[in-house]
Amino acid sequence: MSPTLLLIHIIGAVTLLLWGMRMVRTGVERALGARLKIFVQRWLDRRLMALLSGVFVTLALQSSTATALLVNSFVAQNTVATVTALAVVLGADIGTTLAAAVLSLDLSAVSPILIGAGFIAHSTTTGSLRQYARATMGLGLVLLALTLLRGYTAELSDSHVLPIVLRSLSGDPIIAIIVFALVTWLLHSSLAAVLFTVSLAAAGVIDLHMALILVLGANLGAGLPAYGATLGLPAPARRVPIGNLCFKAIGVIALIPVIDVISSIAESQPWPEHMSIIGFHIAFNCVLSLVFLPFLGIAARILDKWMPENMRIERDPGASRLLDIEYYDDIDSALSVASRETVRLGEIVEEMYRDLIIALRTNDRVLAKEIATRDDYVDSLHRQIKLYVSRATRNQMSDEQSMRATQVLTFVTDLEHIADIIESSAGLARRKAVRGLKFSDEGLKDLERMHEIVFRTMHLAFDVFMSGDVDIATRLIREKRSVGRMERELNRSHLNRLREGLKESIETSSFHQDLIRDLKRIHSHLVAVAYAIARPDMDDIESPDQDKTTQTRSGSDRRKSTGST
């Protein structure tokens, strides 16, 4: 095989490896959803437990970067301390080394079984089982890619150029580490970089000494993707990636002077070279964790002081503008401020909702993704308003003040739920756009019609919240049944189009029905504010308890439900 063709095959095998790892990660993320976040948060009471949670989550996701970004989102939301997040990231680094140890074994015989079983299960199941099947198929592709890599890298030993270039770098370990760190950053996977190094060593393209140097480069490069992903974010979101990158840099710098001694010891061992490489990779990260775990408190204080909370980006819509002001005993003023910030939260949700129909109509993937990112702003402001109202109402309140505080907390919670539904619907819009699907003209008109009715309800809900007008509140409640009838009417129209065999309707059926359902749920959350205002005592008005499952479902449950369609 010519060198050019061989290089193309190697690039293809590495690409297949990365794609398989991505399938494993996305399958696990979609199957577990918010339960993954809950698992991490539940284990964050102690540093050792936090480290172990990082190990387990990374083994599931096959990506230390994904784990780092997950826990980093908790730090950015001020729900997890920097010291705890650093412990999770150290555990994530250990987790990825254990994954490398398993995948470095010759499991080529298992690959076709996993791909075949995963494909069949993915084609015949739904919901979480479908996502687990996706992860299984991805794992099979990873093993297939590694088998291909072993074959292609073995042919590299016949090349006269590449081995000379790689071996020449062993004389300058610093350059070799920097180069391979950049390669790892480009791959966005230290796991893939280490496995590629193992393949090169097994093929005899590089010696053990050079392989250990490349492993150091892969570990240094492992911290770059998370660092790059948080550039430009507020200071709290940058602390953990910077801290983790510093830990790795210190470890690499400490080992460079003794790498010759370590390679000599490894060469004298009776086991195969690939075990020495993986063992060095595991030992590096385990020792790094043992060394830095007792000093994480000091490291966190340095990072917190270096990048304090007030270093915020002014354009962040989730940053509160008024809630930093304390009104102490003036509860009325505090509730007024909370109400104004609730309206601002509603404005963000309104923009998300308005742009949703545009993304659906135009198949705009970029807009759909941008809509989903705004949910983070909503979550941030929602949390700040709740904490502010809780602090402001600790003293004795009148019945009227207590009622207003309840209205504020109820409405911000419903708005946060609406944002979660819109985020889920934006995900549907993005997947529809990726697949190049379009609604039928009649189907799109139905969606636009219901979207417009819910949009008008949103404005009425804001008016009810600010004015407390009982007549408008009662009107909102009475309209709820009409929207329910519209949902049934639109579903019947959709079924008629399916019976007629309309191609667009058949291709977008699940998207269309899910979106109609989501619009009705948004309407239900908007009407919820009216119950707190009108407090009707009429038999012909549906009570909120009758729609309790719609009103109180968490955003994570809704995302899970949507993901199973």
Protein backbone atom coordinates (compact mmCIF):
# COMPACT_ATOMS: atom_id res chain seq x y z
CA MET A 1 0.00 0.00 0.00
CA SER A 2 1.37 3.43 -0.91
CA PRO A 3 2.22 5.82 1.94
CA THR A 4 -0.49 8.27 0.87
CA LEU A 5 -3.18 5.60 0.76
CA LEU A 6 -1.98 4.20 4.07
CA LEU A 7 -2.23 7.65 5.67
CA ILE A 8 -5.78 8.05 4.34
CA HIS A 9 -6.74 4.68 5.83
CA ILE A 10 -5.24 5.62 9.20
CA ILE A 11 -7.15 8.92 9.24
CA GLY A 12 -10.33 7.02 8.38
CA ALA A 13 -9.75 4.52 11.19
CA VAL A 14 -9.11 7.31 13.72
CA THR A 15 -12.26 9.09 12.52
CA LEU A 16 -14.26 5.87 12.97
CA LEU A 17 -12.79 5.54 16.46
CA LEU A 18 -13.87 9.08 17.38
CA TRP A 19 -17.33 8.54 15.90
CA GLY A 20 -17.80 5.29 17.82
CA MET A 21 -16.79 6.99 21.06
CA ARG A 22 -19.23 9.80 20.29
CA MET A 23 -22.04 7.26 19.79
CA VAL A 24 -21.25 5.70 23.16
CA ARG A 25 -21.27 9.08 24.87
CA THR A 26 -24.44 10.42 23.25
CA GLY A 27 -26.26 7.11 23.76
CA VAL A 28 -25.50 7.10 27.49
CA GLU A 29 -26.32 10.81 27.83
CA ARG A 30 -29.68 10.41 26.10
CA ALA A 31 -30.56 7.24 28.01
CA LEU A 32 -29.70 8.56 31.45
CA GLY A 33 -30.45 12.25 30.83
CA ALA A 34 -30.80 14.24 34.04
CA ARG A 35 -30.22 11.09 36.14
CA LEU A 36 -26.53 11.40 35.25
CA LYS A 37 -26.45 14.91 36.72
CA ILE A 38 -28.36 13.76 39.80
CA PHE A 39 -25.88 10.90 40.28
CA VAL A 40 -22.94 13.29 40.16
CA GLN A 41 -24.55 15.81 42.54
CA ARG A 42 -25.52 13.08 45.00
CA TRP A 43 -21.89 12.01 45.39
CA LEU A 44 -20.41 15.47 45.85
CA ASP A 45 -20.48 15.68 49.64
CA ARG A 46 -16.85 14.54 50.08
CA ARG A 47 -13.76 14.85 47.93
CA LEU A 48 -13.13 11.11 47.69
CA MET A 49 -16.76 10.46 46.76
CA ALA A 50 -16.56 13.25 44.19
CA LEU A 51 -13.42 11.68 42.72
CA LEU A 52 -15.13 8.27 42.49
CA SER A 53 -18.17 9.81 40.83
CA GLY A 54 -15.84 11.31 38.21
CA VAL A 55 -14.39 7.83 37.58
CA PHE A 56 -17.80 6.17 37.11
CA VAL A 57 -19.33 8.89 34.96
CA THR A 58 -16.29 8.96 32.66
CA LEU A 59 -16.40 5.18 32.26
CA ALA A 60 -20.03 5.59 31.15
CA LEU A 61 -19.42 8.56 28.84
CA GLN A 62 -16.00 7.47 27.52
CA SER A 63 -14.91 11.10 27.74
CA SER A 64 -13.20 12.97 30.56
CA THR A 65 -13.94 16.21 28.70
CA ALA A 66 -17.70 15.51 28.82
CA THR A 67 -17.48 14.86 32.57
CA ALA A 68 -15.42 18.02 33.11
CA LEU A 69 -17.94 20.17 31.24
CA LEU A 70 -20.83 18.54 33.12
CA VAL A 71 -19.44 19.32 36.56
CA ASN A 72 -18.22 22.69 35.35
CA SER A 73 -21.82 23.66 34.58
CA PHE A 74 -22.62 23.05 38.26
CA VAL A 75 -19.78 25.39 39.26
CA ALA A 76 -21.01 28.06 36.86
CA GLN A 77 -24.46 27.81 38.48
CA ASN A 78 -22.94 28.06 41.99
CA THR A 79 -24.41 24.69 42.99
CA VAL A 80 -21.02 22.97 43.39
CA ALA A 81 -17.87 24.36 44.99
CA THR A 82 -14.67 24.66 42.97
CA VAL A 83 -12.81 22.28 45.29
CA THR A 84 -15.40 19.54 44.75
CA ALA A 85 -15.43 20.01 40.98
CA LEU A 86 -11.63 19.68 40.88
CA ALA A 87 -11.95 16.34 42.66
CA VAL A 88 -14.50 15.14 40.09
CA VAL A 89 -12.18 16.10 37.23
CA LEU A 90 -9.26 14.22 38.80
CA GLY A 91 -11.55 11.19 38.97
CA ALA A 92 -12.54 11.71 35.35
CA ASP A 93 -8.88 11.48 34.34
CA ILE A 94 -8.57 8.15 36.15
CA GLY A 95 -11.78 6.94 34.50
CA THR A 96 -10.46 7.56 31.01
CA THR A 97 -7.26 5.62 31.80
CA LEU A 98 -9.33 2.60 32.91
CA ALA A 99 -11.31 2.82 29.67
CA ALA A 100 -8.03 2.87 27.75
CA ALA A 101 -6.86 -0.24 29.63
CA VAL A 102 -9.97 -2.18 28.60
CA LEU A 103 -9.99 -1.00 24.99
CA SER A 104 -6.28 -1.73 24.53
CA LEU A 105 -7.06 -5.45 24.80
CA ASP A 106 -7.64 -7.38 21.58
CA LEU A 107 -11.44 -7.58 21.57
CA SER A 108 -11.82 -7.70 17.79
CA ALA A 109 -13.94 -10.87 17.95
CA VAL A 110 -16.56 -9.04 20.02
CA SER A 111 -16.83 -6.10 17.60
CA PRO A 112 -19.21 -7.61 14.99
CA ILE A 113 -21.44 -8.99 17.74
CA LEU A 114 -21.78 -5.59 19.38
CA ILE A 115 -22.38 -3.80 16.06
CA GLY A 116 -24.95 -6.34 14.89
CA ALA A 117 -26.81 -6.59 18.20
CA GLY A 118 -26.71 -2.83 18.65
CA PHE A 119 -28.06 -2.20 15.15
CA ILE A 120 -30.94 -4.66 15.55
CA ALA A 121 -31.87 -3.30 18.97
CA HIS A 122 -31.58 0.30 17.74
CA SER A 123 -33.92 -0.47 14.83
CA THR A 124 -36.55 -2.30 16.87
CA THR A 125 -36.70 -0.49 20.23
CA THR A 126 -37.60 2.95 21.49
CA GLY A 127 -36.80 5.17 24.45
CA SER A 128 -33.86 4.35 26.71
CA LEU A 129 -33.37 0.90 25.20
CA ARG A 130 -32.80 2.50 21.80
CA GLN A 131 -30.12 4.76 23.29
CA TYR A 132 -28.39 1.88 25.07
CA ALA A 133 -28.39 0.08 21.72
CA ARG A 134 -26.76 3.15 20.18
CA ALA A 135 -24.03 3.02 22.84
CA THR A 136 -23.53 -0.71 22.21
CA MET A 137 -23.19 -0.16 18.46
CA GLY A 138 -20.74 2.69 19.16
CA LEU A 139 -18.61 0.43 21.34
CA GLY A 140 -18.52 -2.12 18.54
CA LEU A 141 -17.36 0.57 16.09
CA VAL A 142 -14.62 1.59 18.55
CA LEU A 143 -13.32 -1.98 18.69
CA LEU A 144 -13.53 -2.26 14.89
CA ALA A 145 -11.58 1.00 14.48
CA LEU A 146 -8.88 -0.24 16.87
CA THR A 147 -8.57 -3.46 14.89
CA LEU A 148 -8.14 -1.47 11.69
CA LEU A 149 -5.59 0.82 13.36
CA ARG A 150 -3.50 -2.13 14.49
CA GLY A 151 -3.36 -3.41 10.93
CA TYR A 152 -2.57 -0.06 9.33
CA THR A 153 0.04 0.96 11.89
CA ALA A 154 1.77 -2.39 11.41
CA GLU A 155 2.37 -1.40 7.79
CA LEU A 156 3.96 1.84 8.98
CA SER A 157 6.95 -0.16 10.18
CA ASP A 158 7.89 -0.61 6.50
CA SER A 159 7.93 3.17 5.99
CA HIS A 160 11.33 4.82 5.94
CA VAL A 161 10.20 8.34 6.75
CA LEU A 162 7.63 8.32 9.55
CA PRO A 163 9.57 6.14 12.02
CA ILE A 164 12.64 8.36 11.55
CA VAL A 165 10.59 11.52 12.21
CA LEU A 166 8.92 10.06 15.30
CA ARG A 167 12.14 8.65 16.72
CA SER A 168 13.93 11.95 16.18
CA LEU A 169 11.38 13.63 18.42
CA SER A 170 12.36 11.31 21.27
CA GLY A 171 15.60 13.30 21.52
CA ASP A 172 13.57 16.43 22.26
CA PRO A 173 10.76 15.29 24.60
CA ILE A 174 9.41 18.81 25.20
CA ILE A 175 8.70 19.36 21.49
CA ALA A 176 7.22 15.86 21.22
CA ILE A 177 4.92 16.48 24.21
CA ILE A 178 3.73 19.81 22.83
CA VAL A 179 3.11 18.37 19.37
CA PHE A 180 1.13 15.41 20.69
CA ALA A 181 -0.78 17.64 23.12
CA LEU A 182 -1.96 19.64 20.10
CA VAL A 183 -2.86 16.41 18.29
CA THR A 184 -4.90 15.33 21.32
CA TRP A 185 -6.63 18.70 21.38
CA LEU A 186 -7.53 18.34 17.69
CA LEU A 187 -8.90 14.85 18.36
CA HIS A 188 -10.74 16.14 21.46
CA SER A 189 -10.01 12.77 23.05
CA SER A 190 -7.04 11.69 25.13
CA LEU A 191 -8.45 8.18 25.04
CA ALA A 192 -8.15 8.05 21.24
CA ALA A 193 -4.66 9.57 21.39
CA VAL A 194 -3.41 7.00 23.91
CA LEU A 195 -4.93 4.08 22.00
CA PHE A 196 -3.28 5.36 18.81
CA THR A 197 0.05 5.51 20.67
CA VAL A 198 -0.42 1.90 21.81
CA SER A 199 -1.04 0.88 18.18
CA LEU A 200 2.12 2.64 17.00
CA ALA A 201 4.20 0.95 19.71
CA ALA A 202 2.69 -2.48 19.05
CA ALA A 203 3.56 -2.10 15.35
CA GLY A 204 7.16 -1.22 16.18
CA VAL A 205 6.88 2.24 14.65
CA ILE A 206 8.00 3.85 17.93
CA ASP A 207 9.89 2.45 20.89
CA LEU A 208 8.65 2.37 24.48
CA HIS A 209 10.55 5.53 25.44
CA MET A 210 8.84 7.53 22.70
CA ALA A 211 5.46 6.01 23.56
CA LEU A 212 5.73 7.20 27.17
CA ILE A 213 6.59 10.70 25.97
CA LEU A 214 3.53 10.71 23.71
CA VAL A 215 1.38 9.56 26.63
CA LEU A 216 2.55 12.61 28.58
CA GLY A 217 1.57 14.78 25.61
CA ALA A 218 -1.85 13.10 25.45
CA ASN A 219 -2.44 13.80 29.15
CA LEU A 220 -1.44 17.43 28.76
CA GLY A 221 -3.64 17.79 25.69
CA ALA A 222 -6.59 16.19 27.54
CA GLY A 223 -7.09 19.42 29.48
CA LEU A 224 -7.21 21.66 26.40
CA PRO A 225 -10.73 20.86 25.02
CA ALA A 226 -12.51 21.83 28.26
CA TYR A 227 -10.32 24.93 28.56
CA GLY A 228 -11.13 25.98 25.00
CA ALA A 229 -14.86 25.31 25.49
CA THR A 230 -15.03 27.71 28.46
CA LEU A 231 -13.07 30.61 26.98
CA GLY A 232 -15.17 33.76 27.13
CA LEU A 233 -17.49 32.38 29.83
CA PRO A 234 -17.85 33.99 33.28
CA ALA A 235 -15.00 33.46 35.72
CA PRO A 236 -16.61 30.61 37.75
CA ALA A 237 -16.98 28.55 34.57
CA ARG A 238 -13.25 28.85 33.80
CA ARG A 239 -11.79 27.90 37.18
CA VAL A 240 -12.02 24.11 36.96
CA PRO A 241 -10.61 23.68 33.40
CA ILE A 242 -7.71 26.00 34.24
CA GLY A 243 -7.06 24.17 37.51
CA ASN A 244 -7.11 20.78 35.82
CA LEU A 245 -4.79 21.98 33.05
CA CYS A 246 -2.36 23.30 35.68
CA PHE A 247 -2.37 19.94 37.51
CA LYS A 248 -1.52 18.11 34.30
CA ALA A 249 1.18 20.61 33.33
CA ILE A 250 2.83 20.28 36.76
CA GLY A 251 2.75 16.47 36.48
CA VAL A 252 4.25 16.49 32.99
CA ILE A 253 6.99 18.97 33.93
CA ALA A 254 7.87 16.86 36.98
CA LEU A 255 8.25 13.67 34.91
CA ILE A 256 10.21 15.02 31.94
CA PRO A 257 13.61 14.86 33.76
CA VAL A 258 13.03 11.23 34.85
CA ILE A 259 11.30 9.87 31.75
CA ASP A 260 14.49 8.03 30.70
CA VAL A 261 14.64 6.25 34.07
CA ILE A 262 10.94 5.34 33.88
CA SER A 263 11.29 3.95 30.35
CA SER A 264 14.34 1.88 31.40
CA ILE A 265 12.39 0.36 34.28
CA ALA A 266 9.41 -0.34 32.00
CA GLU A 267 11.62 -2.01 29.37
CA SER A 268 13.03 -4.38 31.98
CA GLN A 269 9.59 -5.74 32.87
CA PRO A 270 8.49 -9.11 31.46
CA TRP A 271 5.03 -8.02 30.26
CA PRO A 272 4.23 -6.68 26.76
CA GLU A 273 4.98 -3.08 25.82
CA HIS A 274 1.32 -2.07 25.49
CA MET A 275 0.76 -3.01 29.15
CA SER A 276 3.68 -0.80 30.16
CA ILE A 277 2.21 2.12 28.20
CA ILE A 278 -1.27 1.71 29.69
CA GLY A 279 0.21 1.13 33.14
CA PHE A 280 2.20 4.36 32.87
CA HIS A 281 -0.94 6.20 31.74
CA ILE A 282 -2.92 4.87 34.72
CA ALA A 283 -0.09 5.49 37.19
CA PHE A 284 0.39 9.09 36.00
CA ASN A 285 -3.23 10.02 36.65
CA CYS A 286 -3.55 8.04 39.90
CA VAL A 287 -0.39 9.61 41.34
CA LEU A 288 -1.57 13.03 40.17
CA SER A 289 -4.84 12.51 42.05
CA LEU A 290 -3.10 11.28 45.22
CA VAL A 291 -0.69 14.22 45.20
CA PHE A 292 -3.23 16.97 44.56
CA LEU A 293 -6.30 15.63 46.39
CA PRO A 294 -5.10 16.86 49.83
CA PHE A 295 -4.28 20.31 48.38
CA LEU A 296 -7.48 20.89 46.40
CA GLY A 297 -8.72 23.33 49.05
CA ILE A 298 -5.65 25.52 48.57
CA ALA A 299 -5.90 25.25 44.78
CA ALA A 300 -9.59 26.18 44.87
CA ARG A 301 -8.94 29.23 47.06
CA ILE A 302 -6.21 30.39 44.65
CA LEU A 303 -8.54 29.95 41.66
CA ASP A 304 -11.46 31.65 43.43
CA LYS A 305 -9.25 34.59 44.38
CA TRP A 306 -7.66 34.81 40.94
CA MET A 307 -11.04 34.66 39.16
CA PRO A 308 -13.60 36.08 41.62
CA GLU A 309 -17.38 35.89 41.23
CA ASN A 310 -17.74 39.54 40.20
CA MET A 311 -15.72 38.92 37.00
CA ARG A 312 -18.88 38.42 34.95
CA ILE A 313 -19.69 39.01 31.32
CA GLU A 314 -22.16 41.87 31.15
CA ARG A 315 -23.95 40.46 28.15
CA ASP A 316 -25.03 37.37 30.08
CA PRO A 317 -28.85 37.57 30.05
CA GLY A 318 -28.97 35.26 33.05
CA ALA A 319 -27.10 37.76 35.22
CA SER A 320 -29.50 39.48 37.60
CA ARG A 321 -29.65 43.25 37.38
CA LEU A 322 -31.58 44.04 40.54
CA LEU A 323 -31.37 41.07 42.90
CA ASP A 324 -28.07 42.16 44.45
CA ILE A 325 -29.94 44.92 46.30
CA GLU A 326 -31.04 43.97 49.82
CA TYR A 327 -34.24 45.56 51.13
CA TYR A 328 -34.04 44.00 54.60
CA ASP A 329 -37.41 44.68 56.29
CA ASP A 330 -39.05 46.30 53.25
CA ILE A 331 -40.75 43.14 51.97
CA ASP A 332 -43.04 45.01 49.54
CA SER A 333 -40.05 46.56 47.73
CA ALA A 334 -38.27 43.24 47.64
CA LEU A 335 -41.31 41.52 46.12
CA SER A 336 -41.63 44.34 43.58
CA VAL A 337 -38.02 43.81 42.49
CA ALA A 338 -38.59 40.05 42.29
CA SER A 339 -41.69 40.65 40.14
CA ARG A 340 -39.75 42.86 37.73
CA GLU A 341 -37.02 40.25 37.37
CA THR A 342 -39.70 37.61 36.81
CA VAL A 343 -41.03 39.67 33.91
CA ARG A 344 -37.48 39.87 32.50
CA LEU A 345 -37.25 36.10 32.83
CA GLY A 346 -40.53 35.93 30.92
CA GLU A 347 -39.06 38.10 28.17
CA ILE A 348 -36.21 35.61 27.65
CA VAL A 349 -38.71 32.75 27.50
CA GLU A 350 -40.88 34.76 25.08
CA GLU A 351 -37.92 35.26 22.74
CA MET A 352 -37.13 31.55 22.87
CA TYR A 353 -40.75 30.73 22.04
CA ARG A 354 -40.96 33.27 19.20
CA ASP A 355 -37.77 31.97 17.58
CA LEU A 356 -38.89 28.34 17.91
CA ILE A 357 -41.48 28.59 15.14
CA ILE A 358 -38.91 30.32 12.90
CA ALA A 359 -36.46 27.45 13.41
CA LEU A 360 -39.21 24.93 12.67
CA ARG A 361 -40.37 26.79 9.56
CA THR A 362 -36.90 27.38 8.06
CA ASN A 363 -34.99 24.29 9.31
CA ASP A 364 -32.44 26.67 10.87
CA ARG A 365 -30.13 24.38 12.86
CA VAL A 366 -28.02 27.26 14.18
CA LEU A 367 -31.06 29.10 15.54
CA ALA A 368 -32.42 25.90 17.11
CA LYS A 369 -29.12 25.31 18.89
CA GLU A 370 -28.98 28.95 20.03
CA ILE A 371 -32.52 28.69 21.45
CA ALA A 372 -31.44 25.71 23.53
CA THR A 373 -28.47 27.64 24.99
CA ARG A 374 -30.82 30.34 26.32
CA ASP A 375 -32.29 27.78 28.70
CA ASP A 376 -29.09 28.15 30.75
CA TYR A 377 -29.87 31.86 31.20
CA VAL A 378 -33.40 30.99 32.32
CA ASP A 379 -32.12 28.41 34.81
CA SER A 380 -29.66 30.93 36.26
CA LEU A 381 -32.18 33.75 36.66
CA HIS A 382 -34.86 31.36 37.95
CA ARG A 383 -32.52 30.16 40.69
CA GLN A 384 -31.52 33.72 41.64
CA ILE A 385 -35.14 34.88 41.92
CA LYS A 386 -36.11 31.93 44.12
CA LEU A 387 -33.17 32.48 46.47
CA TYR A 388 -33.89 36.21 46.61
CA VAL A 389 -37.56 35.71 47.50
CA SER A 390 -36.60 33.12 50.11
CA ARG A 391 -34.19 35.56 51.76
CA ALA A 392 -36.57 38.52 51.54
CA THR A 393 -39.50 36.69 53.14
CA ARG A 394 -37.82 35.20 56.16
CA ASN A 395 -39.54 37.73 58.45
CA GLN A 396 -43.22 37.87 59.35
CA MET A 397 -45.43 38.71 56.36
CA SER A 398 -49.00 39.81 55.87
CA ASP A 399 -51.44 37.54 54.03
CA GLU A 400 -51.18 39.75 50.95
CA GLN A 401 -47.36 39.63 50.97
CA SER A 402 -47.39 35.87 51.47
CA MET A 403 -49.80 35.50 48.54
CA ARG A 404 -47.60 37.65 46.27
CA ALA A 405 -44.46 35.72 47.22
CA THR A 406 -46.28 32.49 46.33
CA GLN A 407 -47.36 33.95 42.98
CA VAL A 408 -43.78 34.96 42.14
CA LEU A 409 -42.32 31.58 43.06
CA THR A 410 -45.06 29.71 41.18
CA PHE A 411 -44.73 31.80 38.03
CA VAL A 412 -40.92 31.66 37.83
CA THR A 413 -41.09 27.89 38.26
CA ASP A 414 -43.65 27.58 35.47
CA LEU A 415 -41.54 29.83 33.23
CA GLU A 416 -38.52 27.63 33.90
CA HIS A 417 -40.58 24.56 32.95
CA ILE A 418 -41.72 26.31 29.76
CA ALA A 419 -38.10 27.07 28.86
CA ASP A 420 -37.25 23.40 29.34
CA ILE A 421 -40.08 22.40 27.01
CA ILE A 422 -38.93 24.95 24.42
CA GLU A 423 -35.37 23.63 24.71
CA SER A 424 -36.68 20.13 24.06
CA SER A 425 -38.75 21.37 21.09
CA ALA A 426 -35.67 23.17 19.73
CA GLY A 427 -33.88 19.84 19.87
CA LEU A 428 -36.67 18.37 17.76
CA ALA A 429 -36.32 21.26 15.30
CA ARG A 430 -32.58 20.68 15.06
CA ARG A 431 -32.94 16.93 14.47
CA LYS A 432 -35.60 17.58 11.84
CA ALA A 433 -33.25 20.02 10.11
CA VAL A 434 -30.31 17.59 10.26
CA ARG A 435 -32.45 14.95 8.55
CA GLY A 436 -33.61 17.48 5.95
CA LEU A 437 -37.31 16.91 6.70
CA LYS A 438 -40.10 19.40 6.11
CA PHE A 439 -43.65 19.61 7.40
CA SER A 440 -46.51 19.49 4.93
CA ASP A 441 -48.10 22.87 4.20
CA GLU A 442 -51.20 21.91 6.19
CA GLY A 443 -49.13 20.54 9.07
CA LEU A 444 -47.03 23.70 9.29
CA LYS A 445 -50.16 25.87 9.26
CA ASP A 446 -51.60 23.82 12.14
CA LEU A 447 -48.42 24.31 14.18
CA GLU A 448 -48.33 28.04 13.42
CA ARG A 449 -52.00 28.40 14.36
CA MET A 450 -51.55 26.73 17.75
CA HIS A 451 -48.25 28.56 18.30
CA GLU A 452 -50.02 31.90 17.78
CA ILE A 453 -52.78 31.07 20.27
CA VAL A 454 -50.26 30.04 22.92
CA PHE A 455 -48.23 33.18 22.17
CA ARG A 456 -51.28 35.36 22.90
CA THR A 457 -51.85 33.41 26.10
CA MET A 458 -48.29 34.16 27.14
CA HIS A 459 -48.91 37.91 26.95
CA LEU A 460 -52.16 37.53 28.90
CA ALA A 461 -50.35 35.51 31.56
CA PHE A 462 -47.78 38.31 31.97
CA ASP A 463 -50.64 40.83 32.30
CA VAL A 464 -52.37 38.68 34.92
CA PHE A 465 -49.15 38.29 36.90
CA MET A 466 -48.44 42.01 37.03
CA SER A 467 -52.00 43.37 37.33
CA GLY A 468 -53.74 40.66 39.33
CA ASP A 469 -56.84 41.17 37.17
CA VAL A 470 -59.35 38.46 38.19
CA ASP A 471 -61.41 38.79 34.99
CA ILE A 472 -58.42 38.11 32.73
CA ALA A 473 -57.34 35.25 35.02
CA THR A 474 -60.78 33.63 34.77
CA ARG A 475 -60.73 34.09 30.99
CA LEU A 476 -57.37 32.34 30.80
CA ILE A 477 -58.68 29.39 32.78
CA ARG A 478 -61.77 29.05 30.59
CA GLU A 479 -59.60 29.04 27.44
CA LYS A 480 -57.68 26.02 28.66
CA ARG A 481 -60.33 23.57 27.52
CA SER A 482 -60.52 25.17 24.09
CA VAL A 483 -56.80 24.57 23.61
CA GLY A 484 -57.33 20.96 24.63
CA ARG A 485 -60.02 20.66 21.96
CA MET A 486 -57.69 22.25 19.43
CA GLU A 487 -54.99 19.70 20.24
CA ARG A 488 -57.41 16.85 19.53
CA GLU A 489 -58.60 18.57 16.34
CA LEU A 490 -55.06 19.04 15.03
CA ASN A 491 -54.15 15.45 15.84
CA ARG A 492 -57.19 14.25 13.87
CA SER A 493 -56.14 16.41 10.92
CA HIS A 494 -52.68 14.92 11.12
CA LEU A 495 -54.06 11.37 11.15
CA ASN A 496 -56.15 12.19 8.08
CA ARG A 497 -53.01 13.30 6.25
CA LEU A 498 -51.31 10.06 7.26
CA ARG A 499 -54.24 8.06 5.88
CA GLU A 500 -53.95 9.97 2.62
CA GLY A 501 -50.30 8.88 2.42
CA LEU A 502 -48.87 12.42 2.37
CA LYS A 503 -45.10 11.89 2.30
CA GLU A 504 -44.14 14.95 4.39
CA SER A 505 -46.65 14.03 7.10
CA ILE A 506 -45.41 10.44 7.30
CA GLU A 507 -41.76 11.54 7.59
CA THR A 508 -42.44 14.18 10.26
CA SER A 509 -45.24 12.43 12.15
CA SER A 510 -43.42 11.99 15.49
CA PHE A 511 -42.03 15.55 15.33
CA HIS A 512 -45.46 17.01 14.58
CA GLN A 513 -47.28 15.17 17.37
CA ASP A 514 -44.58 15.89 19.93
CA LEU A 515 -44.62 19.60 19.08
CA ILE A 516 -48.41 19.82 19.35
CA ARG A 517 -48.22 18.15 22.73
CA ASP A 518 -45.43 20.48 23.85
CA LEU A 519 -47.40 23.57 22.83
CA LYS A 520 -50.36 22.38 24.90
CA ARG A 521 -48.09 21.80 27.91
CA ILE A 522 -46.66 25.31 27.54
CA HIS A 523 -50.22 26.65 27.51
CA SER A 524 -51.00 24.70 30.70
CA HIS A 525 -48.03 26.21 32.51
CA LEU A 526 -49.06 29.71 31.40
CA VAL A 527 -52.61 29.21 32.66
CA ALA A 528 -51.27 28.06 36.04
CA VAL A 529 -50.57 31.67 37.04
CA ALA A 530 -54.30 32.43 36.69
CA TYR A 531 -55.28 29.96 39.43
CA ALA A 532 -53.25 31.86 42.00
CA ILE A 533 -55.01 35.10 40.99
CA ALA A 534 -58.63 34.01 40.40
CA ARG A 535 -58.87 31.14 42.93
CA PRO A 536 -62.11 30.05 41.23
CA ASP A 537 -64.76 28.14 43.09
CA MET A 538 -66.74 27.03 40.07
CA ASP A 539 -67.48 23.51 38.94
CA ASP A 540 -67.11 24.34 35.25
CA ILE A 541 -63.49 25.46 35.64
CA GLU A 542 -60.89 22.75 35.69
CA SER A 543 -58.79 22.76 38.86
CA PRO A 544 -55.01 22.72 38.58
CA ASP A 545 -54.91 19.32 40.26
CA GLN A 546 -56.71 17.83 37.27
CA ASP A 547 -53.71 18.63 35.12
CA LYS A 548 -51.12 17.98 37.78
CA THR A 549 -48.96 15.68 35.70
CA THR A 550 -48.63 18.33 33.01
CA GLN A 551 -48.06 21.16 35.47
CA THR A 552 -45.37 19.58 37.60
CA ARG A 553 -43.26 17.44 35.31
CA SER A 554 -39.60 18.37 35.54
CA GLY A 555 -37.63 19.61 32.57
CA SER A 556 -35.44 16.49 32.65
CA ASP A 557 -38.49 14.18 32.44
CA ARG A 558 -39.80 16.15 29.49
CA ARG A 559 -36.46 15.90 27.71
CA LYS A 560 -36.40 12.17 28.34
CA SER A 561 -39.94 11.81 27.03
CA THR A 562 -39.14 13.80 23.90
CA GLY A 563 -35.92 11.91 23.29
CA SER A 564 -37.78 8.60 23.15
CA THR A 565 -39.92 9.53 20.12
